[in-house]
Amino acid sequence: MTTRIACLGDSLTRALISVDYLDLLRRRHPPGDLQLARFGANGDFAYNLLRSLDAVIANPSDVITVLIGTNDARASLAGYRVDKAMKRKQLPERPSAGWFQQCLGAVVERLRAETDATIGLLSLPALGQQLDGAAAQASQRYSRMIAEVATTNNVTYLPLHERQIEELRQADPPLIPYQEVTLAASLGVLVQHAVLRFNLDTISRRRNLVLTTDHIHQNSRGATLIAEVIDAGLLTENA
């Protein structure tokens, strides 16, 4: 029997400059076992996801995964161009932790009310690879809020952040300072990948990054952890 899965999120789910975790998840199962639908938009905040749920609800699913909040967490960091992001994503107010939690809670409430799907909330991928740095701490802080929303709304919590932190500790990576990704930098990665045909993992290795290509977007190792956490939390136990 085919399991219909809708994957909701931002650029990590869109997978233009991030290794495609939907493809990796599909490969973990026999052909035809999973039918995957992608609902990801570059730069989205939790507010944007809340505003785009009509298309998700119109697409019947057995399982819905939500991976959102990386941009909300980034907006709390020094160096993030908040005003530009607000204009680009048409945000009605300045991003904040409280607003993120409110919007994510509203996402879950609507999905529970208007679908019959099993819902899983993923905590955030680690931002950067300095575990005591401001970026990693922000992704941890927002992940705790995601766990609270999952508990409050009685949906499945998928501990991606915890799994990635464990992976980074085991890898003992170089302490490369976190750098906020600019539009120009993202376009540079896209050109290297789509035009020059550089493998995203090659870009990652050249920068001495363990899970990402640019401290945010996932390489194969990072994306594999996303697929593994979804599989273990929502699919394997229900098989």
C-alpha atoms as a PDB file:
ATOM      1  CA  MET A   1       0.000   0.000   0.000  1.00  0.00           C
ATOM      2  CA  THR A   2       1.342   3.410  -0.973  1.00  0.00           C
ATOM      3  CA  THR A   3       1.847   5.988   1.784  1.00  0.00           C
ATOM      4  CA  ARG A   4       1.152   9.550   0.664  1.00  0.00           C
ATOM      5  CA  ILE A   5       3.516  12.030   2.298  1.00  0.00           C
ATOM      6  CA  ALA A   6       3.426  15.822   2.074  1.00  0.00           C
ATOM      7  CA  CYS A   7       6.692  17.514   3.054  1.00  0.00           C
ATOM      8  CA  LEU A   8       6.318  21.162   4.113  1.00  0.00           C
ATOM      9  CA  GLY A   9       9.126  23.648   4.596  1.00  0.00           C
ATOM     10  CA  ASP A  10      11.498  26.228   3.171  1.00  0.00           C
ATOM     11  CA  SER A  11      14.549  26.015   0.885  1.00  0.00           C
ATOM     12  CA  LEU A  12      15.701  22.805   2.576  1.00  0.00           C
ATOM     13  CA  THR A  13      12.514  21.174   1.296  1.00  0.00           C
ATOM     14  CA  ARG A  14      12.552  22.991  -2.050  1.00  0.00           C
ATOM     15  CA  ALA A  15      16.052  21.493  -2.529  1.00  0.00           C
ATOM     16  CA  LEU A  16      17.461  23.731  -5.239  1.00  0.00           C
ATOM     17  CA  ILE A  17      20.745  24.328  -3.373  1.00  0.00           C
ATOM     18  CA  SER A  18      20.314  21.647  -0.723  1.00  0.00           C
ATOM     19  CA  VAL A  19      20.524  17.882  -1.179  1.00  0.00           C
ATOM     20  CA  ASP A  20      16.999  16.543  -1.664  1.00  0.00           C
ATOM     21  CA  TYR A  21      15.907  14.706   1.481  1.00  0.00           C
ATOM     22  CA  LEU A  22      12.640  13.703  -0.216  1.00  0.00           C
ATOM     23  CA  ASP A  23      14.628  11.750  -2.790  1.00  0.00           C
ATOM     24  CA  LEU A  24      16.726  10.153  -0.049  1.00  0.00           C
ATOM     25  CA  LEU A  25      13.567   9.213   1.851  1.00  0.00           C
ATOM     26  CA  ARG A  26      12.065   7.645  -1.267  1.00  0.00           C
ATOM     27  CA  ARG A  27      15.196   5.562  -1.838  1.00  0.00           C
ATOM     28  CA  ARG A  28      14.900   4.047   1.631  1.00  0.00           C
ATOM     29  CA  HIS A  29      11.732   2.209   0.561  1.00  0.00           C
ATOM     30  CA  PRO A  30      10.779  -0.154  -2.275  1.00  0.00           C
ATOM     31  CA  PRO A  31       9.508   1.522  -5.470  1.00  0.00           C
ATOM     32  CA  GLY A  32       5.906   2.611  -5.143  1.00  0.00           C
ATOM     33  CA  ASP A  33       5.805   2.468  -1.340  1.00  0.00           C
ATOM     34  CA  LEU A  34       5.906   6.261  -0.946  1.00  0.00           C
ATOM     35  CA  GLN A  35       4.166   9.010  -2.885  1.00  0.00           C
ATOM     36  CA  LEU A  36       5.874  12.274  -1.976  1.00  0.00           C
ATOM     37  CA  ALA A  37       4.513  15.789  -2.464  1.00  0.00           C
ATOM     38  CA  ARG A  38       6.821  18.781  -2.012  1.00  0.00           C
ATOM     39  CA  PHE A  39       5.607  22.049  -0.461  1.00  0.00           C
ATOM     40  CA  GLY A  40       8.739  24.129   0.049  1.00  0.00           C
ATOM     41  CA  ALA A  41       9.498  27.757  -0.766  1.00  0.00           C
ATOM     42  CA  ASN A  42      12.864  29.476  -0.521  1.00  0.00           C
ATOM     43  CA  GLY A  43      13.158  31.875   2.397  1.00  0.00           C
ATOM     44  CA  ASP A  44       9.825  30.979   3.981  1.00  0.00           C
ATOM     45  CA  PHE A  45       9.105  31.759   7.613  1.00  0.00           C
ATOM     46  CA  ALA A  46       6.497  29.937   9.680  1.00  0.00           C
ATOM     47  CA  TYR A  47       4.086  32.765   8.837  1.00  0.00           C
ATOM     48  CA  ASN A  48       4.485  32.095   5.094  1.00  0.00           C
ATOM     49  CA  LEU A  49       3.819  28.399   5.601  1.00  0.00           C
ATOM     50  CA  LEU A  50       0.671  29.193   7.550  1.00  0.00           C
ATOM     51  CA  ARG A  51      -0.547  31.358   4.667  1.00  0.00           C
ATOM     52  CA  SER A  52       0.072  28.609   2.075  1.00  0.00           C
ATOM     53  CA  LEU A  53      -1.760  25.673   3.661  1.00  0.00           C
ATOM     54  CA  ASP A  54      -4.689  25.615   1.214  1.00  0.00           C
ATOM     55  CA  ALA A  55      -2.632  23.710  -1.356  1.00  0.00           C
ATOM     56  CA  VAL A  56      -1.468  21.216   1.276  1.00  0.00           C
ATOM     57  CA  ILE A  57      -4.987  20.564   2.523  1.00  0.00           C
ATOM     58  CA  ALA A  58      -6.256  20.118  -1.041  1.00  0.00           C
ATOM     59  CA  ASN A  59      -3.680  17.336  -1.522  1.00  0.00           C
ATOM     60  CA  PRO A  60      -4.851  14.283   0.494  1.00  0.00           C
ATOM     61  CA  SER A  61      -1.978  12.848   2.535  1.00  0.00           C
ATOM     62  CA  ASP A  62      -1.455  10.053   5.025  1.00  0.00           C
ATOM     63  CA  VAL A  63       1.571  11.745   6.591  1.00  0.00           C
ATOM     64  CA  ILE A  64       2.593  15.406   6.753  1.00  0.00           C
ATOM     65  CA  THR A  65       6.087  16.502   7.789  1.00  0.00           C
ATOM     66  CA  VAL A  66       6.884  20.090   8.744  1.00  0.00           C
ATOM     67  CA  LEU A  67      10.449  21.424   8.626  1.00  0.00           C
ATOM     68  CA  ILE A  68      10.183  25.172   9.174  1.00  0.00           C
ATOM     69  CA  GLY A  69      11.875  27.739  11.393  1.00  0.00           C
ATOM     70  CA  THR A  70      15.420  28.005  10.080  1.00  0.00           C
ATOM     71  CA  ASN A  71      14.735  31.478   8.684  1.00  0.00           C
ATOM     72  CA  ASP A  72      12.900  32.491  11.857  1.00  0.00           C
ATOM     73  CA  ALA A  73      15.971  31.442  13.863  1.00  0.00           C
ATOM     74  CA  ARG A  74      18.347  33.199  11.470  1.00  0.00           C
ATOM     75  CA  ALA A  75      16.366  36.421  11.900  1.00  0.00           C
ATOM     76  CA  SER A  76      17.361  36.440  15.570  1.00  0.00           C
ATOM     77  CA  LEU A  77      21.073  36.605  14.681  1.00  0.00           C
ATOM     78  CA  ALA A  78      23.258  39.646  14.228  1.00  0.00           C
ATOM     79  CA  GLY A  79      23.992  40.215  10.555  1.00  0.00           C
ATOM     80  CA  TYR A  80      20.685  38.897   9.228  1.00  0.00           C
ATOM     81  CA  ARG A  81      18.999  41.428   6.946  1.00  0.00           C
ATOM     82  CA  VAL A  82      15.634  41.406   8.697  1.00  0.00           C
ATOM     83  CA  ASP A  83      14.160  44.411   6.896  1.00  0.00           C
ATOM     84  CA  LYS A  84      14.954  42.951   3.476  1.00  0.00           C
ATOM     85  CA  ALA A  85      13.486  39.589   4.470  1.00  0.00           C
ATOM     86  CA  MET A  86      10.314  41.241   5.737  1.00  0.00           C
ATOM     87  CA  LYS A  87       9.855  43.022   2.429  1.00  0.00           C
ATOM     88  CA  ARG A  88      10.726  40.009   0.294  1.00  0.00           C
ATOM     89  CA  LYS A  89       8.459  37.608   2.192  1.00  0.00           C
ATOM     90  CA  GLN A  90       5.726  40.197   2.922  1.00  0.00           C
ATOM     91  CA  LEU A  91       5.848  39.704   6.680  1.00  0.00           C
ATOM     92  CA  PRO A  92       3.326  41.837   8.599  1.00  0.00           C
ATOM     93  CA  GLU A  93       5.555  42.078  11.664  1.00  0.00           C
ATOM     94  CA  ARG A  94       9.166  41.671  12.687  1.00  0.00           C
ATOM     95  CA  PRO A  95      10.136  38.002  13.198  1.00  0.00           C
ATOM     96  CA  SER A  96      10.350  36.939  16.838  1.00  0.00           C
ATOM     97  CA  ALA A  97      10.412  33.730  18.847  1.00  0.00           C
ATOM     98  CA  GLY A  98       6.909  34.276  20.152  1.00  0.00           C
ATOM     99  CA  TRP A  99       5.467  34.936  16.706  1.00  0.00           C
ATOM    100  CA  PHE A 100       7.214  31.864  15.315  1.00  0.00           C
ATOM    101  CA  GLN A 101       5.706  29.648  17.991  1.00  0.00           C
ATOM    102  CA  GLN A 102       2.278  31.192  17.449  1.00  0.00           C
ATOM    103  CA  CYS A 103       2.392  30.660  13.665  1.00  0.00           C
ATOM    104  CA  LEU A 104       3.698  27.098  13.957  1.00  0.00           C
ATOM    105  CA  GLY A 105       0.960  26.285  16.455  1.00  0.00           C
ATOM    106  CA  ALA A 106      -1.633  27.661  14.022  1.00  0.00           C
ATOM    107  CA  VAL A 107      -0.152  25.510  11.225  1.00  0.00           C
ATOM    108  CA  VAL A 108      -0.544  22.390  13.321  1.00  0.00           C
ATOM    109  CA  GLU A 109      -4.036  23.300  14.496  1.00  0.00           C
ATOM    110  CA  ARG A 110      -5.271  23.747  10.942  1.00  0.00           C
ATOM    111  CA  LEU A 111      -3.606  20.560   9.678  1.00  0.00           C
ATOM    112  CA  ARG A 112      -5.171  18.599  12.528  1.00  0.00           C
ATOM    113  CA  ALA A 113      -8.605  20.123  11.932  1.00  0.00           C
ATOM    114  CA  GLU A 114      -8.677  19.824   8.140  1.00  0.00           C
ATOM    115  CA  THR A 115      -6.700  16.654   7.339  1.00  0.00           C
ATOM    116  CA  ASP A 116      -6.622  13.067   8.576  1.00  0.00           C
ATOM    117  CA  ALA A 117      -2.846  12.875   8.262  1.00  0.00           C
ATOM    118  CA  THR A 118      -0.325  11.854  10.881  1.00  0.00           C
ATOM    119  CA  ILE A 119       1.714  14.999  11.515  1.00  0.00           C
ATOM    120  CA  GLY A 120       5.402  15.182  12.353  1.00  0.00           C
ATOM    121  CA  LEU A 121       7.304  18.341  13.353  1.00  0.00           C
ATOM    122  CA  LEU A 122      11.043  18.250  12.758  1.00  0.00           C
ATOM    123  CA  SER A 123      13.359  20.248  14.968  1.00  0.00           C
ATOM    124  CA  LEU A 124      15.809  22.417  13.050  1.00  0.00           C
ATOM    125  CA  PRO A 125      19.053  21.393  11.417  1.00  0.00           C
ATOM    126  CA  ALA A 126      22.040  22.773  13.279  1.00  0.00           C
ATOM    127  CA  LEU A 127      23.006  26.248  12.098  1.00  0.00           C
ATOM    128  CA  GLY A 128      26.746  26.283  11.580  1.00  0.00           C
ATOM    129  CA  GLN A 129      29.076  23.800  13.228  1.00  0.00           C
ATOM    130  CA  GLN A 130      30.340  25.695  16.256  1.00  0.00           C
ATOM    131  CA  LEU A 131      28.127  24.104  18.891  1.00  0.00           C
ATOM    132  CA  ASP A 132      28.647  26.925  21.389  1.00  0.00           C
ATOM    133  CA  GLY A 133      28.179  29.631  18.751  1.00  0.00           C
ATOM    134  CA  ALA A 134      25.208  31.990  18.514  1.00  0.00           C
ATOM    135  CA  ALA A 135      23.851  30.348  15.355  1.00  0.00           C
ATOM    136  CA  ALA A 136      23.841  26.819  16.763  1.00  0.00           C
ATOM    137  CA  GLN A 137      22.322  28.107  19.990  1.00  0.00           C
ATOM    138  CA  ALA A 138      19.557  29.839  18.028  1.00  0.00           C
ATOM    139  CA  SER A 139      18.690  26.642  16.170  1.00  0.00           C
ATOM    140  CA  GLN A 140      18.605  24.821  19.505  1.00  0.00           C
ATOM    141  CA  ARG A 141      16.350  27.467  21.060  1.00  0.00           C
ATOM    142  CA  TYR A 142      13.859  27.347  18.198  1.00  0.00           C
ATOM    143  CA  SER A 143      13.973  23.543  18.208  1.00  0.00           C
ATOM    144  CA  ARG A 144      12.840  23.583  21.822  1.00  0.00           C
ATOM    145  CA  MET A 145       9.874  25.710  20.776  1.00  0.00           C
ATOM    146  CA  ILE A 146       9.040  23.186  18.059  1.00  0.00           C
ATOM    147  CA  ALA A 147       9.087  20.425  20.683  1.00  0.00           C
ATOM    148  CA  GLU A 148       6.711  22.462  22.847  1.00  0.00           C
ATOM    149  CA  VAL A 149       4.292  22.957  19.944  1.00  0.00           C
ATOM    150  CA  ALA A 150       4.390  19.234  19.160  1.00  0.00           C
ATOM    151  CA  THR A 151       3.666  18.306  22.776  1.00  0.00           C
ATOM    152  CA  THR A 152       0.890  20.886  23.168  1.00  0.00           C
ATOM    153  CA  ASN A 153      -0.841  19.727  19.994  1.00  0.00           C
ATOM    154  CA  ASN A 154      -0.240  15.998  20.494  1.00  0.00           C
ATOM    155  CA  VAL A 155       1.667  15.453  17.239  1.00  0.00           C
ATOM    156  CA  THR A 156       4.917  13.602  16.614  1.00  0.00           C
ATOM    157  CA  TYR A 157       8.177  15.392  17.388  1.00  0.00           C
ATOM    158  CA  LEU A 158      11.074  14.395  15.128  1.00  0.00           C
ATOM    159  CA  PRO A 159      14.435  15.167  16.807  1.00  0.00           C
ATOM    160  CA  LEU A 160      16.513  16.269  13.817  1.00  0.00           C
ATOM    161  CA  HIS A 161      18.442  18.941  15.726  1.00  0.00           C
ATOM    162  CA  GLU A 162      19.477  16.480  18.400  1.00  0.00           C
ATOM    163  CA  ARG A 163      20.591  13.963  15.776  1.00  0.00           C
ATOM    164  CA  GLN A 164      22.651  16.534  13.889  1.00  0.00           C
ATOM    165  CA  ILE A 165      24.301  17.825  17.045  1.00  0.00           C
ATOM    166  CA  GLU A 166      25.261  14.249  17.905  1.00  0.00           C
ATOM    167  CA  GLU A 167      26.723  13.833  14.418  1.00  0.00           C
ATOM    168  CA  LEU A 168      28.746  17.039  14.734  1.00  0.00           C
ATOM    169  CA  ARG A 169      30.100  16.049  18.140  1.00  0.00           C
ATOM    170  CA  GLN A 170      31.251  12.713  16.754  1.00  0.00           C
ATOM    171  CA  ALA A 171      32.834  14.374  13.711  1.00  0.00           C
ATOM    172  CA  ASP A 172      34.704  16.956  15.828  1.00  0.00           C
ATOM    173  CA  PRO A 173      34.636  19.454  12.928  1.00  0.00           C
ATOM    174  CA  PRO A 174      36.868  22.477  12.351  1.00  0.00           C
ATOM    175  CA  LEU A 175      35.575  25.482  14.286  1.00  0.00           C
ATOM    176  CA  ILE A 176      34.628  27.560  11.268  1.00  0.00           C
ATOM    177  CA  PRO A 177      32.761  30.743  12.272  1.00  0.00           C
ATOM    178  CA  TYR A 178      29.159  30.954  11.117  1.00  0.00           C
ATOM    179  CA  GLN A 179      28.578  33.349   8.237  1.00  0.00           C
ATOM    180  CA  GLU A 180      25.102  34.519   7.261  1.00  0.00           C
ATOM    181  CA  VAL A 181      24.219  33.423   3.739  1.00  0.00           C
ATOM    182  CA  THR A 182      23.558  36.269   1.314  1.00  0.00           C
ATOM    183  CA  LEU A 183      21.539  36.090  -1.891  1.00  0.00           C
ATOM    184  CA  ALA A 184      24.755  36.439  -3.862  1.00  0.00           C
ATOM    185  CA  ALA A 185      26.317  33.521  -1.979  1.00  0.00           C
ATOM    186  CA  SER A 186      23.260  31.338  -2.588  1.00  0.00           C
ATOM    187  CA  LEU A 187      23.355  32.189  -6.290  1.00  0.00           C
ATOM    188  CA  GLY A 188      27.037  31.314  -6.298  1.00  0.00           C
ATOM    189  CA  VAL A 189      26.310  27.845  -4.938  1.00  0.00           C
ATOM    190  CA  LEU A 190      23.469  27.430  -7.442  1.00  0.00           C
ATOM    191  CA  VAL A 191      25.759  28.344 -10.345  1.00  0.00           C
ATOM    192  CA  GLN A 192      28.467  25.967  -9.145  1.00  0.00           C
ATOM    193  CA  HIS A 193      25.934  23.174  -8.734  1.00  0.00           C
ATOM    194  CA  ALA A 194      23.506  23.635 -11.648  1.00  0.00           C
ATOM    195  CA  VAL A 195      25.756  25.258 -14.245  1.00  0.00           C
ATOM    196  CA  LEU A 196      29.281  24.077 -13.464  1.00  0.00           C
ATOM    197  CA  ARG A 197      27.937  20.707 -12.267  1.00  0.00           C
ATOM    198  CA  PHE A 198      29.842  20.727  -8.991  1.00  0.00           C
ATOM    199  CA  ASN A 199      28.493  18.163  -6.557  1.00  0.00           C
ATOM    200  CA  LEU A 200      27.084  19.806  -3.423  1.00  0.00           C
ATOM    201  CA  ASP A 201      29.232  17.497  -1.325  1.00  0.00           C
ATOM    202  CA  THR A 202      32.312  18.726  -3.178  1.00  0.00           C
ATOM    203  CA  ILE A 203      31.383  22.326  -2.322  1.00  0.00           C
ATOM    204  CA  SER A 204      30.892  21.248   1.273  1.00  0.00           C
ATOM    205  CA  ARG A 205      34.270  19.486   1.499  1.00  0.00           C
ATOM    206  CA  ARG A 206      36.095  22.467   0.029  1.00  0.00           C
ATOM    207  CA  ARG A 207      34.677  24.583   2.843  1.00  0.00           C
ATOM    208  CA  ASN A 208      35.430  22.003   5.574  1.00  0.00           C
ATOM    209  CA  LEU A 209      31.731  21.772   6.458  1.00  0.00           C
ATOM    210  CA  VAL A 210      30.347  18.500   7.798  1.00  0.00           C
ATOM    211  CA  LEU A 211      26.585  18.695   7.236  1.00  0.00           C
ATOM    212  CA  THR A 212      26.054  21.745   5.033  1.00  0.00           C
ATOM    213  CA  THR A 213      27.358  23.595   2.004  1.00  0.00           C
ATOM    214  CA  ASP A 214      27.094  27.044   3.598  1.00  0.00           C
ATOM    215  CA  HIS A 215      26.226  26.542   7.313  1.00  0.00           C
ATOM    216  CA  ILE A 216      22.507  26.271   6.380  1.00  0.00           C
ATOM    217  CA  HIS A 217      21.738  24.205   3.262  1.00  0.00           C
ATOM    218  CA  GLN A 218      22.287  20.485   3.574  1.00  0.00           C
ATOM    219  CA  ASN A 219      24.864  18.255   1.944  1.00  0.00           C
ATOM    220  CA  SER A 220      24.236  14.516   1.555  1.00  0.00           C
ATOM    221  CA  ARG A 221      25.204  13.781   5.145  1.00  0.00           C
ATOM    222  CA  GLY A 222      22.865  16.416   6.558  1.00  0.00           C
ATOM    223  CA  ALA A 223      19.969  15.507   4.254  1.00  0.00           C
ATOM    224  CA  THR A 224      20.382  11.811   5.047  1.00  0.00           C
ATOM    225  CA  LEU A 225      19.821  12.600   8.718  1.00  0.00           C
ATOM    226  CA  ILE A 226      16.565  14.368   7.813  1.00  0.00           C
ATOM    227  CA  ALA A 227      15.375  11.317   5.870  1.00  0.00           C
ATOM    228  CA  GLU A 228      16.429   8.966   8.675  1.00  0.00           C
ATOM    229  CA  VAL A 229      14.589  10.938  11.362  1.00  0.00           C
ATOM    230  CA  ILE A 230      11.386  11.057   9.298  1.00  0.00           C
ATOM    231  CA  ASP A 231      11.613   7.363   8.492  1.00  0.00           C
ATOM    232  CA  ALA A 232      12.264   6.297  12.079  1.00  0.00           C
ATOM    233  CA  GLY A 233       9.648   8.564  13.600  1.00  0.00           C
ATOM    234  CA  LEU A 234       6.759   8.253  11.172  1.00  0.00           C
ATOM    235  CA  LEU A 235       7.211   5.370   8.749  1.00  0.00           C
ATOM    236  CA  THR A 236       9.256   2.477  10.108  1.00  0.00           C
ATOM    237  CA  GLU A 237       7.280   2.185  13.339  1.00  0.00           C
ATOM    238  CA  ASN A 238       4.016   2.224  11.368  1.00  0.00           C
ATOM    239  CA  ALA A 239       5.091  -0.241   8.692  1.00  0.00           C
END
